[in-house]
Amino acid sequence: MSNIVWSKMQCHFCDMAKRLLEQKEIVYEERMIGEGWTTEQLLEAVPNVRTVPQIILDGKLIGSYDNLVEHFKKIDKEKYARD
């Protein structure tokens, strides 16, 4: 799967990112640190990150929750510019 959300327990921004993806009907794989996934695996997939969530869509690193919101704003703006 090319849509991945790296997250951890009790992470408000992780929950908001997952909720936003679900609202957009985007299917994703959650990789929760401490629940079968390690920080080392996160750093191997996304070097030098310091926070979660880390979101990957269509194999492309989007980044944090704030980056995800901006990503969708850009897509919406491009969509309305074409209409």
C-alpha atoms as a PDB file:
ATOM      1  CA  MET A   1       0.000   0.000   0.000  1.00  0.00           C
ATOM      2  CA  SER A   2       1.342   3.403  -0.839  1.00  0.00           C
ATOM      3  CA  ASN A   3      -0.708   5.349   1.752  1.00  0.00           C
ATOM      4  CA  ILE A   4       0.890   5.132   5.196  1.00  0.00           C
ATOM      5  CA  VAL A   5       0.398   6.985   8.461  1.00  0.00           C
ATOM      6  CA  TRP A   6       3.176   6.612  11.023  1.00  0.00           C
ATOM      7  CA  SER A   7       1.647   7.314  14.416  1.00  0.00           C
ATOM      8  CA  LYS A   8       1.830   6.604  18.146  1.00  0.00           C
ATOM      9  CA  MET A   9      -0.641   6.205  20.997  1.00  0.00           C
ATOM     10  CA  GLN A  10      -2.189   9.302  22.558  1.00  0.00           C
ATOM     11  CA  CYS A  11      -1.156  11.544  19.667  1.00  0.00           C
ATOM     12  CA  HIS A  12      -3.795  14.185  18.983  1.00  0.00           C
ATOM     13  CA  PHE A  13      -2.280  15.183  15.619  1.00  0.00           C
ATOM     14  CA  CYS A  14      -2.114  11.518  14.577  1.00  0.00           C
ATOM     15  CA  ASP A  15      -5.821  11.145  15.353  1.00  0.00           C
ATOM     16  CA  MET A  16      -6.671  14.304  13.424  1.00  0.00           C
ATOM     17  CA  ALA A  17      -4.652  13.135  10.401  1.00  0.00           C
ATOM     18  CA  LYS A  18      -6.359   9.747  10.360  1.00  0.00           C
ATOM     19  CA  ARG A  19      -9.775  11.391  10.701  1.00  0.00           C
ATOM     20  CA  LEU A  20      -9.031  13.754   7.796  1.00  0.00           C
ATOM     21  CA  LEU A  21      -7.912  10.867   5.570  1.00  0.00           C
ATOM     22  CA  GLU A  22     -11.065   8.952   6.452  1.00  0.00           C
ATOM     23  CA  GLN A  23     -13.216  12.000   5.623  1.00  0.00           C
ATOM     24  CA  LYS A  24     -11.488  12.126   2.233  1.00  0.00           C
ATOM     25  CA  GLU A  25     -12.144   8.368   1.882  1.00  0.00           C
ATOM     26  CA  ILE A  26      -8.449   7.617   1.540  1.00  0.00           C
ATOM     27  CA  VAL A  27      -7.483   4.099   2.570  1.00  0.00           C
ATOM     28  CA  TYR A  28      -4.194   3.926   4.476  1.00  0.00           C
ATOM     29  CA  GLU A  29      -2.029   1.578   6.481  1.00  0.00           C
ATOM     30  CA  GLU A  30      -1.344   2.729  10.022  1.00  0.00           C
ATOM     31  CA  ARG A  31       2.112   1.993  11.402  1.00  0.00           C
ATOM     32  CA  MET A  32       1.900   2.663  15.109  1.00  0.00           C
ATOM     33  CA  ILE A  33       5.162   3.025  16.996  1.00  0.00           C
ATOM     34  CA  GLY A  34       5.177   0.568  19.888  1.00  0.00           C
ATOM     35  CA  GLU A  35       2.432  -1.581  18.359  1.00  0.00           C
ATOM     36  CA  GLY A  36       4.429  -3.724  15.964  1.00  0.00           C
ATOM     37  CA  TRP A  37       6.549  -0.865  14.592  1.00  0.00           C
ATOM     38  CA  THR A  38       9.650   0.821  16.003  1.00  0.00           C
ATOM     39  CA  THR A  39      11.104   4.315  15.917  1.00  0.00           C
ATOM     40  CA  GLU A  40      14.044   2.832  14.031  1.00  0.00           C
ATOM     41  CA  GLN A  41      11.715   1.582  11.298  1.00  0.00           C
ATOM     42  CA  LEU A  42      10.140   5.036  11.048  1.00  0.00           C
ATOM     43  CA  LEU A  43      13.576   6.639  10.745  1.00  0.00           C
ATOM     44  CA  GLU A  44      14.558   4.108   8.103  1.00  0.00           C
ATOM     45  CA  ALA A  45      11.440   4.972   6.074  1.00  0.00           C
ATOM     46  CA  VAL A  46      11.574   8.730   6.735  1.00  0.00           C
ATOM     47  CA  PRO A  47      15.084   9.785   7.839  1.00  0.00           C
ATOM     48  CA  ASN A  48      15.595  12.766  10.163  1.00  0.00           C
ATOM     49  CA  VAL A  49      11.971  13.158  11.251  1.00  0.00           C
ATOM     50  CA  ARG A  50      11.309  14.305  14.788  1.00  0.00           C
ATOM     51  CA  THR A  51       7.525  14.070  15.054  1.00  0.00           C
ATOM     52  CA  VAL A  52       4.526  11.948  14.260  1.00  0.00           C
ATOM     53  CA  PRO A  53       2.350  11.644  12.401  1.00  0.00           C
ATOM     54  CA  GLN A  54       4.338  11.180   9.238  1.00  0.00           C
ATOM     55  CA  ILE A  55       2.044  10.729   6.277  1.00  0.00           C
ATOM     56  CA  ILE A  56       2.874   9.155   2.937  1.00  0.00           C
ATOM     57  CA  LEU A  57       0.317   9.323   0.117  1.00  0.00           C
ATOM     58  CA  ASP A  58       0.758   7.542  -3.201  1.00  0.00           C
ATOM     59  CA  GLY A  59       4.312   6.756  -2.130  1.00  0.00           C
ATOM     60  CA  LYS A  60       5.157  10.465  -1.644  1.00  0.00           C
ATOM     61  CA  LEU A  61       6.089  11.908   1.739  1.00  0.00           C
ATOM     62  CA  ILE A  62       3.564  14.540   2.758  1.00  0.00           C
ATOM     63  CA  GLY A  63       4.918  14.957   6.294  1.00  0.00           C
ATOM     64  CA  SER A  64       3.059  16.137   9.385  1.00  0.00           C
ATOM     65  CA  TYR A  65      -0.626  16.818   9.998  1.00  0.00           C
ATOM     66  CA  ASP A  66      -0.125  20.488   9.087  1.00  0.00           C
ATOM     67  CA  ASN A  67       1.542  19.418   5.839  1.00  0.00           C
ATOM     68  CA  LEU A  68      -1.422  17.130   5.130  1.00  0.00           C
ATOM     69  CA  VAL A  69      -3.886  19.993   5.584  1.00  0.00           C
ATOM     70  CA  GLU A  70      -1.834  22.180   3.226  1.00  0.00           C
ATOM     71  CA  HIS A  71      -1.624  19.302   0.723  1.00  0.00           C
ATOM     72  CA  PHE A  72      -5.421  19.077   0.554  1.00  0.00           C
ATOM     73  CA  LYS A  73      -5.824  22.866   0.375  1.00  0.00           C
ATOM     74  CA  LYS A  74      -3.492  22.894  -2.631  1.00  0.00           C
ATOM     75  CA  ILE A  75      -5.411  20.079  -4.310  1.00  0.00           C
ATOM     76  CA  ASP A  76      -8.736  21.863  -3.685  1.00  0.00           C
ATOM     77  CA  LYS A  77      -7.369  25.140  -5.019  1.00  0.00           C
ATOM     78  CA  GLU A  78      -6.078  23.419  -8.181  1.00  0.00           C
ATOM     79  CA  LYS A  79      -9.406  21.654  -8.644  1.00  0.00           C
ATOM     80  CA  TYR A  80     -11.413  24.872  -8.425  1.00  0.00           C
ATOM     81  CA  ALA A  81      -8.973  26.690 -10.714  1.00  0.00           C
ATOM     82  CA  ARG A  82      -9.721  24.074 -13.410  1.00  0.00           C
ATOM     83  CA  ASP A  83     -13.517  24.271 -13.006  1.00  0.00           C
END
